[in-house]
Amino acid sequence: MRYIIIGAGAVGGTVGGRLAQAGREVVLVARGKHLAALAEHGLRLRVPEGESTHRLPAVDGPGPLGELRADDVLVLAVKTQDVVAALETWAGAPVAGGGTAAERLPLVCLQNGVESGRLALRRFRHVYGVCVWLPSTFVEPGVVSAPGRPLTGILHLGRLPHGTDDTAHRIAADLADAHFEAPVVPDVARWQYAKLLANLSNAIEALTGTRDTEAALALYARVRAEGEAVLDAAGIARTSQDEQVAARGDKVTLVPLDGVTRGGGSSWQSLARGTGTIEADYLNGEIALLGRLHGVPTPLNELLQRLAGRFARERRGAGSMPLAELVRLADAAGRSVPADVFGPRGS
């Protein structure tokens, strides 16, 4: 199979680079300065074993590839806010032998949250969800890093909305050869919803630059409690923390890499790079949406969604809000919502 990595940034570039190291055929899709660097110098991948350079085909869309191959796998690694544009670009691409990518090719979604899979299923017949545990950083155009060892990451994989098949197992086998653990599970959404709860702290880190201090952890506990209440009200199952800890073990341990400073996670990196967008609409915003649908107040997640979006649009620096100020705003938001704001359930 040939892997077409749509969005060869931190996560996509790491997966593509590792697959290339394992001898798999890889095409990188990027834009702007990153695409230019990939085309001129190749992909530079920094991992605990050292830095390697991979001269891989790099394109800005399906056009330069001509007809896609019947054995192509589309790996969607853009941020969720960019998913619709990517799907529209690739869905109609012709495949050798007839039909389009949306009709014939597997599409693997490598995003935080749960929305990308739903968006993909509107257009593609064969969609696979992934719960992504992959610490990685976009260092500069053409350069990505992943400090995890002995494994680079853990990628639970399954068909959406549920199930497994031979294609999932073939993809998992390739990933296993490329320094990943890729368990094939029939209920990948359970893992994704559990990861969603963990990702609710992304906005805290992006705004304040911290997620591990006592005050940040206390705020996250309140934010997560809203998320758990919402998922319970919606009847949405997720893996337990014990199950997640057992799956991770000490398989992905972060080590310092020369020349790489890991400032924060994916949302922090969006603010640090000044991209103008951030994924909070599909993390904290997912909780806000479910809360409105099921009658559960979510003032803290709404606050984080709103602030993260404002910081991204105004291109404010990552970590530029004092944590004490965010806690003050959270306290005020929590007090402003009456307990019966939505009225009796079902009214």
Protein backbone atom coordinates (compact mmCIF):
# COMPACT_ATOMS: atom_id res chain seq x y z
CA MET A 1 0.00 0.00 0.00
CA ARG A 2 1.03 3.59 -0.63
CA TYR A 3 0.34 6.06 2.16
CA ILE A 4 -0.69 9.59 1.16
CA ILE A 5 -0.25 11.79 4.24
CA ILE A 6 -2.68 14.70 3.90
CA GLY A 7 -1.23 17.24 6.29
CA ALA A 8 2.42 16.35 6.88
CA GLY A 9 2.82 18.44 10.03
CA ALA A 10 3.78 17.19 13.49
CA VAL A 11 1.61 14.07 13.58
CA GLY A 12 1.36 13.44 9.85
CA GLY A 13 5.05 14.08 9.24
CA THR A 14 6.03 11.74 12.07
CA VAL A 15 3.78 8.93 10.83
CA GLY A 16 4.93 9.46 7.25
CA GLY A 17 8.58 9.60 8.19
CA ARG A 18 8.40 6.49 10.34
CA LEU A 19 6.55 4.57 7.60
CA ALA A 20 9.21 5.63 5.11
CA GLN A 21 11.92 4.43 7.49
CA ALA A 22 10.14 1.07 7.56
CA GLY A 23 10.32 0.84 3.78
CA ARG A 24 6.74 1.80 2.98
CA GLU A 25 5.87 4.03 0.05
CA VAL A 26 4.82 7.49 1.25
CA VAL A 27 3.60 10.71 -0.36
CA LEU A 28 3.48 13.92 1.70
CA VAL A 29 0.83 16.60 1.20
CA ALA A 30 1.61 20.05 2.54
CA ARG A 31 1.45 23.72 1.61
CA GLY A 32 3.40 26.95 1.76
CA LYS A 33 6.88 27.06 3.23
CA HIS A 34 6.57 23.55 4.58
CA LEU A 35 5.85 22.14 1.13
CA ALA A 36 8.76 24.09 -0.35
CA ALA A 37 11.14 22.77 2.31
CA LEU A 38 9.94 19.18 1.83
CA ALA A 39 10.39 19.43 -1.93
CA GLU A 40 13.85 20.99 -1.71
CA HIS A 41 15.42 19.27 1.29
CA GLY A 42 13.17 16.32 2.14
CA LEU A 43 11.50 15.54 5.44
CA ARG A 44 13.84 15.77 8.42
CA LEU A 45 12.59 13.56 11.23
CA ARG A 46 14.13 13.90 14.68
CA VAL A 47 13.59 10.94 17.01
CA PRO A 48 15.53 9.48 19.96
CA GLU A 49 17.66 7.35 17.60
CA GLY A 50 18.82 10.49 15.78
CA GLU A 51 17.82 12.61 12.81
CA SER A 52 17.05 11.16 9.39
CA THR A 53 16.12 12.78 6.08
CA HIS A 54 13.54 11.27 3.75
CA ARG A 55 13.30 12.39 0.14
CA LEU A 56 9.63 11.70 -0.50
CA PRO A 57 7.21 12.96 -3.14
CA ALA A 58 5.65 16.17 -1.81
CA VAL A 59 2.53 17.70 -3.37
CA ASP A 60 -0.13 20.26 -2.55
CA GLY A 61 -3.09 18.13 -3.61
CA PRO A 62 -4.17 15.20 -5.76
CA GLY A 63 -3.54 16.93 -9.12
CA PRO A 64 0.21 16.23 -9.42
CA LEU A 65 -0.38 12.52 -8.67
CA GLY A 66 -2.74 11.96 -11.58
CA GLU A 67 -4.97 8.95 -11.07
CA LEU A 68 -4.69 7.57 -7.57
CA ARG A 69 -3.81 3.92 -7.15
CA ALA A 70 -6.24 1.28 -5.99
CA ASP A 71 -3.83 0.41 -3.16
CA ASP A 72 -3.54 3.98 -1.85
CA VAL A 73 -4.39 4.77 1.77
CA LEU A 74 -5.36 8.37 2.50
CA VAL A 75 -4.13 9.43 5.94
CA LEU A 76 -5.94 12.59 7.00
CA ALA A 77 -3.67 14.41 9.47
CA VAL A 78 -4.82 18.03 9.20
CA LYS A 79 -6.39 19.69 12.22
CA THR A 80 -10.15 19.16 12.53
CA GLN A 81 -10.88 22.76 11.53
CA ASP A 82 -9.25 21.99 8.16
CA VAL A 83 -10.93 18.63 7.57
CA VAL A 84 -13.84 19.79 5.40
CA ALA A 85 -11.55 21.54 2.92
CA ALA A 86 -9.29 18.49 2.73
CA LEU A 87 -12.22 16.13 2.18
CA GLU A 88 -13.59 18.30 -0.60
CA THR A 89 -10.18 18.37 -2.25
CA TRP A 90 -9.61 14.60 -2.19
CA ALA A 91 -13.07 13.01 -2.35
CA GLY A 92 -13.46 13.37 -6.10
CA ALA A 93 -9.92 12.37 -7.06
CA PRO A 94 -10.07 9.64 -9.74
CA VAL A 95 -8.75 6.17 -8.97
CA ALA A 96 -7.20 3.87 -11.56
CA GLY A 97 -9.78 1.36 -12.77
CA GLY A 98 -12.71 3.70 -12.17
CA GLY A 99 -14.44 5.47 -9.34
CA THR A 100 -13.23 8.13 -6.94
CA ALA A 101 -11.24 8.24 -3.73
CA ALA A 102 -14.44 8.71 -1.74
CA GLU A 103 -15.93 5.57 -3.26
CA ARG A 104 -12.94 3.26 -3.21
CA LEU A 105 -10.06 4.26 -0.94
CA PRO A 106 -9.63 3.90 2.82
CA LEU A 107 -9.45 7.20 4.70
CA VAL A 108 -7.68 7.13 8.08
CA CYS A 109 -8.50 10.04 10.42
CA LEU A 110 -5.63 11.15 12.68
CA GLN A 111 -7.25 13.94 14.69
CA ASN A 112 -8.08 14.74 18.28
CA GLY A 113 -11.77 14.71 19.11
CA VAL A 114 -14.53 12.81 17.31
CA GLU A 115 -15.89 15.19 14.70
CA SER A 116 -13.51 14.41 11.82
CA GLY A 117 -14.81 10.87 11.48
CA ARG A 118 -18.40 12.08 11.26
CA LEU A 119 -17.43 14.64 8.63
CA ALA A 120 -15.54 12.01 6.67
CA LEU A 121 -18.43 9.54 6.70
CA ARG A 122 -20.57 12.11 4.88
CA ARG A 123 -18.26 11.79 1.87
CA PHE A 124 -16.18 8.60 2.12
CA ARG A 125 -17.41 5.00 2.27
CA HIS A 126 -14.39 3.51 4.01
CA VAL A 127 -13.42 5.56 7.07
CA TYR A 128 -11.10 4.51 9.90
CA GLY A 129 -10.79 6.31 13.21
CA VAL A 130 -7.63 6.52 15.27
CA CYS A 131 -7.12 7.41 18.92
CA VAL A 132 -3.83 9.30 18.65
CA TRP A 133 -1.27 9.07 21.46
CA LEU A 134 1.70 10.58 19.64
CA PRO A 135 3.80 13.36 21.22
CA SER A 136 5.29 15.27 18.30
CA THR A 137 6.28 18.79 17.31
CA PHE A 138 6.44 20.80 14.10
CA VAL A 139 9.90 22.27 14.61
CA GLU A 140 10.21 24.38 11.45
CA PRO A 141 9.29 23.98 7.77
CA GLY A 142 10.53 20.56 6.68
CA VAL A 143 11.38 19.40 10.21
CA VAL A 144 9.28 17.43 12.71
CA SER A 145 10.25 15.68 15.93
CA ALA A 146 8.87 12.86 18.06
CA PRO A 147 10.59 12.24 21.41
CA GLY A 148 8.86 9.00 22.41
CA ARG A 149 10.63 5.71 22.99
CA PRO A 150 10.74 2.74 22.83
CA LEU A 151 7.57 3.40 20.80
CA THR A 152 6.94 6.63 18.93
CA GLY A 153 3.24 6.44 19.70
CA ILE A 154 0.16 4.31 20.25
CA LEU A 155 -2.57 4.45 17.63
CA HIS A 156 -5.75 2.52 18.40
CA LEU A 157 -7.38 1.89 15.04
CA GLY A 158 -10.80 0.73 13.87
CA ARG A 159 -13.51 1.26 11.30
CA LEU A 160 -16.07 3.99 11.81
CA PRO A 161 -18.68 3.91 13.14
CA HIS A 162 -17.51 0.53 14.48
CA GLY A 163 -15.91 -2.75 13.47
CA THR A 164 -12.65 -4.00 11.99
CA ASP A 165 -11.57 -5.47 8.68
CA ASP A 166 -8.55 -6.75 6.79
CA THR A 167 -7.52 -3.26 5.69
CA ALA A 168 -7.34 -2.10 9.31
CA HIS A 169 -5.12 -5.04 10.18
CA ARG A 170 -2.83 -4.40 7.19
CA ILE A 171 -2.45 -0.74 8.15
CA ALA A 172 -1.78 -1.73 11.76
CA ALA A 173 0.91 -4.17 10.67
CA ASP A 174 2.67 -1.44 8.69
CA LEU A 175 2.47 0.92 11.66
CA ALA A 176 3.85 -1.79 13.95
CA ASP A 177 6.90 -2.02 11.68
CA ALA A 178 7.29 1.75 11.98
CA HIS A 179 7.79 2.12 15.77
CA PHE A 180 4.10 2.36 16.64
CA GLU A 181 1.72 0.12 18.51
CA ALA A 182 -1.54 0.02 16.59
CA PRO A 183 -4.16 -2.14 18.31
CA VAL A 184 -7.11 -2.86 16.00
CA VAL A 185 -10.30 -2.45 18.03
CA PRO A 186 -13.98 -2.75 17.06
CA ASP A 187 -14.94 0.19 19.29
CA VAL A 188 -12.39 2.88 18.50
CA ALA A 189 -14.87 5.59 19.47
CA ARG A 190 -14.60 4.48 23.12
CA TRP A 191 -10.90 5.33 23.00
CA GLN A 192 -11.50 8.59 21.16
CA TYR A 193 -14.05 9.83 23.70
CA ALA A 194 -11.68 9.02 26.55
CA LYS A 195 -8.94 10.96 24.76
CA LEU A 196 -11.41 13.81 24.24
CA LEU A 197 -11.75 14.18 28.01
CA ALA A 198 -7.96 14.39 28.33
CA ASN A 199 -7.78 16.93 25.50
CA LEU A 200 -10.09 19.31 27.37
CA SER A 201 -6.94 20.61 29.08
CA ASN A 202 -5.37 21.59 25.74
CA ALA A 203 -6.95 25.03 25.84
CA ILE A 204 -5.73 25.62 29.40
CA GLU A 205 -2.17 24.89 28.28
CA ALA A 206 -2.50 26.97 25.10
CA LEU A 207 -3.83 29.99 26.97
CA THR A 208 -1.62 29.89 30.08
CA GLY A 209 1.40 27.81 29.08
CA THR A 210 0.84 25.25 31.83
CA ARG A 211 -1.29 22.21 32.49
CA ASP A 212 0.69 20.45 35.24
CA THR A 213 0.71 22.93 38.13
CA GLU A 214 -1.61 22.38 41.08
CA ALA A 215 -3.87 25.26 40.07
CA ALA A 216 -4.02 24.13 36.43
CA LEU A 217 -4.83 20.57 37.43
CA ALA A 218 -7.57 21.81 39.76
CA LEU A 219 -9.11 23.83 36.94
CA TYR A 220 -8.86 20.89 34.56
CA ALA A 221 -10.62 18.66 37.09
CA ARG A 222 -13.60 21.02 36.99
CA VAL A 223 -13.54 21.18 33.19
CA ARG A 224 -13.30 17.40 32.93
CA ALA A 225 -16.17 16.93 35.39
CA GLU A 226 -18.39 18.87 32.98
CA GLY A 227 -17.22 16.60 30.16
CA GLU A 228 -17.92 13.42 32.11
CA ALA A 229 -21.38 14.65 33.08
CA VAL A 230 -22.16 15.39 29.45
CA LEU A 231 -20.97 12.00 28.17
CA ASP A 232 -22.95 10.26 30.92
CA ALA A 233 -26.09 12.21 29.99
CA ALA A 234 -25.59 11.33 26.33
CA GLY A 235 -24.99 7.66 27.14
CA ILE A 236 -21.60 7.73 25.43
CA ALA A 237 -19.19 4.99 26.50
CA ARG A 238 -15.46 5.58 26.91
CA THR A 239 -12.51 3.61 28.14
CA SER A 240 -11.64 3.95 31.81
CA GLN A 241 -8.45 5.60 33.01
CA ASP A 242 -7.28 2.21 34.29
CA GLU A 243 -7.76 0.73 30.82
CA GLN A 244 -5.83 3.59 29.24
CA VAL A 245 -2.96 3.31 31.74
CA ALA A 246 -2.76 -0.43 31.11
CA ALA A 247 -2.63 0.17 27.35
CA ARG A 248 0.08 2.81 27.59
CA GLY A 249 2.28 1.39 30.33
CA ASP A 250 5.78 2.77 29.82
CA LYS A 251 5.71 2.22 26.07
CA VAL A 252 6.05 5.91 25.14
CA THR A 253 8.55 7.72 27.35
CA LEU A 254 9.60 11.23 26.37
CA VAL A 255 13.31 11.94 26.09
CA PRO A 256 15.08 15.25 25.36
CA LEU A 257 16.10 15.72 21.73
CA ASP A 258 19.04 17.91 20.71
CA GLY A 259 17.90 21.14 19.11
CA VAL A 260 14.22 20.60 19.93
CA THR A 261 12.22 22.41 22.60
CA ARG A 262 8.80 20.89 23.11
CA GLY A 263 6.77 23.84 24.28
CA GLY A 264 3.36 22.20 24.46
CA GLY A 265 0.68 20.12 22.79
CA SER A 266 -1.22 20.60 19.56
CA SER A 267 -3.34 23.58 20.65
CA TRP A 268 -0.34 25.32 22.20
CA GLN A 269 1.56 24.80 18.95
CA SER A 270 -1.28 26.39 16.95
CA LEU A 271 -1.02 29.59 19.02
CA ALA A 272 2.77 29.51 19.03
CA ARG A 273 2.86 29.28 15.23
CA GLY A 274 0.17 31.95 14.79
CA THR A 275 -1.91 29.80 12.46
CA GLY A 276 -5.07 31.83 13.14
CA THR A 277 -7.12 28.74 14.02
CA ILE A 278 -7.29 26.27 16.89
CA GLU A 279 -9.07 22.95 17.52
CA ALA A 280 -10.97 24.05 20.65
CA ASP A 281 -14.27 24.11 18.74
CA TYR A 282 -13.96 20.33 18.39
CA LEU A 283 -12.66 19.59 21.90
CA ASN A 284 -14.24 21.89 24.49
CA GLY A 285 -16.79 22.77 21.80
CA GLU A 286 -17.79 19.12 21.47
CA ILE A 287 -18.66 19.11 25.17
CA ALA A 288 -20.58 22.38 24.79
CA LEU A 289 -22.54 20.91 21.86
CA LEU A 290 -23.43 17.71 23.71
CA GLY A 291 -24.33 19.74 26.78
CA ARG A 292 -26.84 21.77 24.78
CA LEU A 293 -28.27 18.64 23.18
CA HIS A 294 -28.70 16.82 26.49
CA GLY A 295 -29.50 19.60 28.93
CA VAL A 296 -26.22 19.79 30.85
CA PRO A 297 -24.60 23.18 31.60
CA THR A 298 -20.99 23.45 30.41
CA PRO A 299 -19.88 27.01 31.29
CA LEU A 300 -16.20 26.18 31.77
CA ASN A 301 -15.82 24.38 28.44
CA GLU A 302 -17.71 27.18 26.71
CA LEU A 303 -15.32 29.69 28.29
CA LEU A 304 -12.24 27.79 27.14
CA GLN A 305 -13.65 27.36 23.63
CA ARG A 306 -14.41 31.07 23.39
CA LEU A 307 -11.07 32.26 24.76
CA ALA A 308 -8.98 29.84 22.69
CA GLY A 309 -10.81 30.89 19.53
CA ARG A 310 -10.28 34.57 20.31
CA PHE A 311 -6.58 34.07 21.03
CA ALA A 312 -6.15 32.21 17.74
CA ARG A 313 -8.00 34.80 15.65
CA GLU A 314 -6.11 37.68 17.26
CA ARG A 315 -2.85 35.71 17.03
CA ARG A 316 -2.05 36.19 20.68
CA GLY A 317 0.98 34.34 21.99
CA ALA A 318 0.74 30.88 23.46
CA GLY A 319 0.77 31.00 27.26
CA SER A 320 0.13 34.75 27.37
CA MET A 321 -2.81 34.64 29.82
CA PRO A 322 -1.94 34.38 33.53
CA LEU A 323 -3.39 31.21 34.99
CA ALA A 324 -4.86 33.19 37.90
CA GLU A 325 -6.84 35.30 35.43
CA LEU A 326 -8.20 32.19 33.70
CA VAL A 327 -9.22 30.72 37.06
CA ARG A 328 -10.95 34.00 37.95
CA LEU A 329 -12.90 33.92 34.69
CA ALA A 330 -13.78 30.26 35.24
CA ASP A 331 -15.08 31.00 38.74
CA ALA A 332 -17.23 33.81 37.34
CA ALA A 333 -18.53 31.61 34.51
CA GLY A 334 -19.44 28.85 36.93
CA ARG A 335 -21.41 31.25 39.13
CA SER A 336 -23.31 32.76 36.19
CA VAL A 337 -25.15 29.57 35.17
CA PRO A 338 -28.16 28.62 37.32
CA ALA A 339 -28.41 24.94 38.14
CA ASP A 340 -31.76 24.71 36.29
CA VAL A 341 -30.72 26.82 33.30
CA PHE A 342 -32.01 24.25 30.81
CA GLY A 343 -35.16 23.37 32.71
CA PRO A 344 -36.28 19.83 33.51
CA ARG A 345 -34.88 17.14 31.20
CA GLY A 346 -37.23 16.63 28.27
CA SER A 347 -39.18 19.86 28.81
